[in-house]
């Protein structure tokens, strides 16, 4: 498998807004979206990663997974 990882790559959407997901992992036209958060879990984070997914779908990619990783959860272990 030939995976390509993009870190903090800008996605320009038709409204002129720019999305910057923390990490995108591409396998051809399939993509995994990973976003890291330092605070508490909030609904707006899920909305944000859904917006990233929708933008990538419009660009012709198939989003196979989205992951929100909360760093404080990792530090508790």
C-alpha atoms as a PDB file:
ATOM      1  CA  UNK A   1       0.000   0.000   0.000  1.00  0.00           C
ATOM      2  CA  UNK A   2       1.261   3.450  -0.920  1.00  0.00           C
ATOM      3  CA  UNK A   3       0.033   5.772   1.855  1.00  0.00           C
ATOM      4  CA  UNK A   4       0.566   9.506   1.685  1.00  0.00           C
ATOM      5  CA  UNK A   5       0.330  11.588   4.867  1.00  0.00           C
ATOM      6  CA  UNK A   6      -0.407  15.321   4.750  1.00  0.00           C
ATOM      7  CA  UNK A   7      -0.047  17.381   7.920  1.00  0.00           C
ATOM      8  CA  UNK A   8      -2.019  20.627   8.359  1.00  0.00           C
ATOM      9  CA  UNK A   9      -2.790  20.857   4.641  1.00  0.00           C
ATOM     10  CA  UNK A  10      -5.233  23.634   3.723  1.00  0.00           C
ATOM     11  CA  UNK A  11      -8.550  22.740   2.105  1.00  0.00           C
ATOM     12  CA  UNK A  12     -10.169  25.708   0.368  1.00  0.00           C
ATOM     13  CA  UNK A  13     -13.946  25.358   0.038  1.00  0.00           C
ATOM     14  CA  UNK A  14     -16.259  27.154  -2.348  1.00  0.00           C
ATOM     15  CA  UNK A  15     -17.357  29.731   0.270  1.00  0.00           C
ATOM     16  CA  UNK A  16     -13.754  30.900   0.564  1.00  0.00           C
ATOM     17  CA  UNK A  17     -13.317  29.331   3.991  1.00  0.00           C
ATOM     18  CA  UNK A  18     -10.160  27.346   4.650  1.00  0.00           C
ATOM     19  CA  UNK A  19     -10.167  24.103   6.626  1.00  0.00           C
ATOM     20  CA  UNK A  20      -6.910  22.800   8.096  1.00  0.00           C
ATOM     21  CA  UNK A  21      -7.225  19.271   9.483  1.00  0.00           C
ATOM     22  CA  UNK A  22      -4.265  18.121  11.571  1.00  0.00           C
ATOM     23  CA  UNK A  23      -3.558  14.990   9.533  1.00  0.00           C
ATOM     24  CA  UNK A  24      -4.879  13.377   6.353  1.00  0.00           C
ATOM     25  CA  UNK A  25      -3.820   9.866   5.368  1.00  0.00           C
ATOM     26  CA  UNK A  26      -4.433   9.105   1.693  1.00  0.00           C
ATOM     27  CA  UNK A  27      -4.564   5.693   0.047  1.00  0.00           C
ATOM     28  CA  UNK A  28      -5.372   6.589  -3.539  1.00  0.00           C
ATOM     29  CA  UNK A  29      -8.853   8.137  -3.414  1.00  0.00           C
ATOM     30  CA  UNK A  30      -9.521   6.874   0.131  1.00  0.00           C
ATOM     31  CA  UNK A  31      -8.702   9.148   3.061  1.00  0.00           C
ATOM     32  CA  UNK A  32      -8.584   9.012   6.857  1.00  0.00           C
ATOM     33  CA  UNK A  33      -8.990  12.314   8.726  1.00  0.00           C
ATOM     34  CA  UNK A  34      -7.296  12.749  12.110  1.00  0.00           C
ATOM     35  CA  UNK A  35      -7.720  15.822  14.282  1.00  0.00           C
ATOM     36  CA  UNK A  36      -6.074  16.364  17.661  1.00  0.00           C
ATOM     37  CA  UNK A  37      -7.714  18.337  20.472  1.00  0.00           C
ATOM     38  CA  UNK A  38      -6.193  19.524  23.741  1.00  0.00           C
ATOM     39  CA  UNK A  39      -9.354  20.397  25.681  1.00  0.00           C
ATOM     40  CA  UNK A  40     -12.566  18.654  26.639  1.00  0.00           C
ATOM     41  CA  UNK A  41     -14.818  16.889  24.163  1.00  0.00           C
ATOM     42  CA  UNK A  42     -17.247  19.313  22.535  1.00  0.00           C
ATOM     43  CA  UNK A  43     -19.931  18.882  19.885  1.00  0.00           C
ATOM     44  CA  UNK A  44     -18.264  21.562  17.755  1.00  0.00           C
ATOM     45  CA  UNK A  45     -15.267  19.241  17.267  1.00  0.00           C
ATOM     46  CA  UNK A  46     -17.493  16.561  15.711  1.00  0.00           C
ATOM     47  CA  UNK A  47     -19.084  19.221  13.470  1.00  0.00           C
ATOM     48  CA  UNK A  48     -15.615  20.422  12.447  1.00  0.00           C
ATOM     49  CA  UNK A  49     -14.381  16.963  11.429  1.00  0.00           C
ATOM     50  CA  UNK A  50     -17.665  16.356   9.569  1.00  0.00           C
ATOM     51  CA  UNK A  51     -17.043  19.575   7.626  1.00  0.00           C
ATOM     52  CA  UNK A  52     -13.572  18.306   6.706  1.00  0.00           C
ATOM     53  CA  UNK A  53     -15.094  15.019   5.539  1.00  0.00           C
ATOM     54  CA  UNK A  54     -17.759  16.735   3.439  1.00  0.00           C
ATOM     55  CA  UNK A  55     -15.182  18.983   1.782  1.00  0.00           C
ATOM     56  CA  UNK A  56     -12.998  16.000   0.876  1.00  0.00           C
ATOM     57  CA  UNK A  57     -16.019  14.064  -0.447  1.00  0.00           C
ATOM     58  CA  UNK A  58     -16.838  16.994  -2.737  1.00  0.00           C
ATOM     59  CA  UNK A  59     -13.245  16.781  -4.003  1.00  0.00           C
ATOM     60  CA  UNK A  60     -13.841  13.150  -5.020  1.00  0.00           C
ATOM     61  CA  UNK A  61     -12.312  11.334  -2.064  1.00  0.00           C
ATOM     62  CA  UNK A  62     -13.912   8.498  -0.126  1.00  0.00           C
ATOM     63  CA  UNK A  63     -13.621   9.192   3.607  1.00  0.00           C
ATOM     64  CA  UNK A  64     -13.126   5.797   5.247  1.00  0.00           C
ATOM     65  CA  UNK A  65     -12.534   7.020   8.803  1.00  0.00           C
ATOM     66  CA  UNK A  66     -12.532  10.141  10.953  1.00  0.00           C
ATOM     67  CA  UNK A  67     -10.720  10.241  14.286  1.00  0.00           C
ATOM     68  CA  UNK A  68     -10.827  12.893  16.991  1.00  0.00           C
ATOM     69  CA  UNK A  69      -7.946  12.317  19.390  1.00  0.00           C
ATOM     70  CA  UNK A  70      -8.048  14.132  22.719  1.00  0.00           C
ATOM     71  CA  UNK A  71      -4.512  14.509  24.031  1.00  0.00           C
ATOM     72  CA  UNK A  72      -5.567  14.837  27.670  1.00  0.00           C
ATOM     73  CA  UNK A  73      -7.151  11.360  27.447  1.00  0.00           C
ATOM     74  CA  UNK A  74      -3.805   9.984  26.265  1.00  0.00           C
ATOM     75  CA  UNK A  75      -1.941  11.726  29.104  1.00  0.00           C
ATOM     76  CA  UNK A  76      -4.279  10.187  31.744  1.00  0.00           C
ATOM     77  CA  UNK A  77      -3.210   6.644  30.800  1.00  0.00           C
END
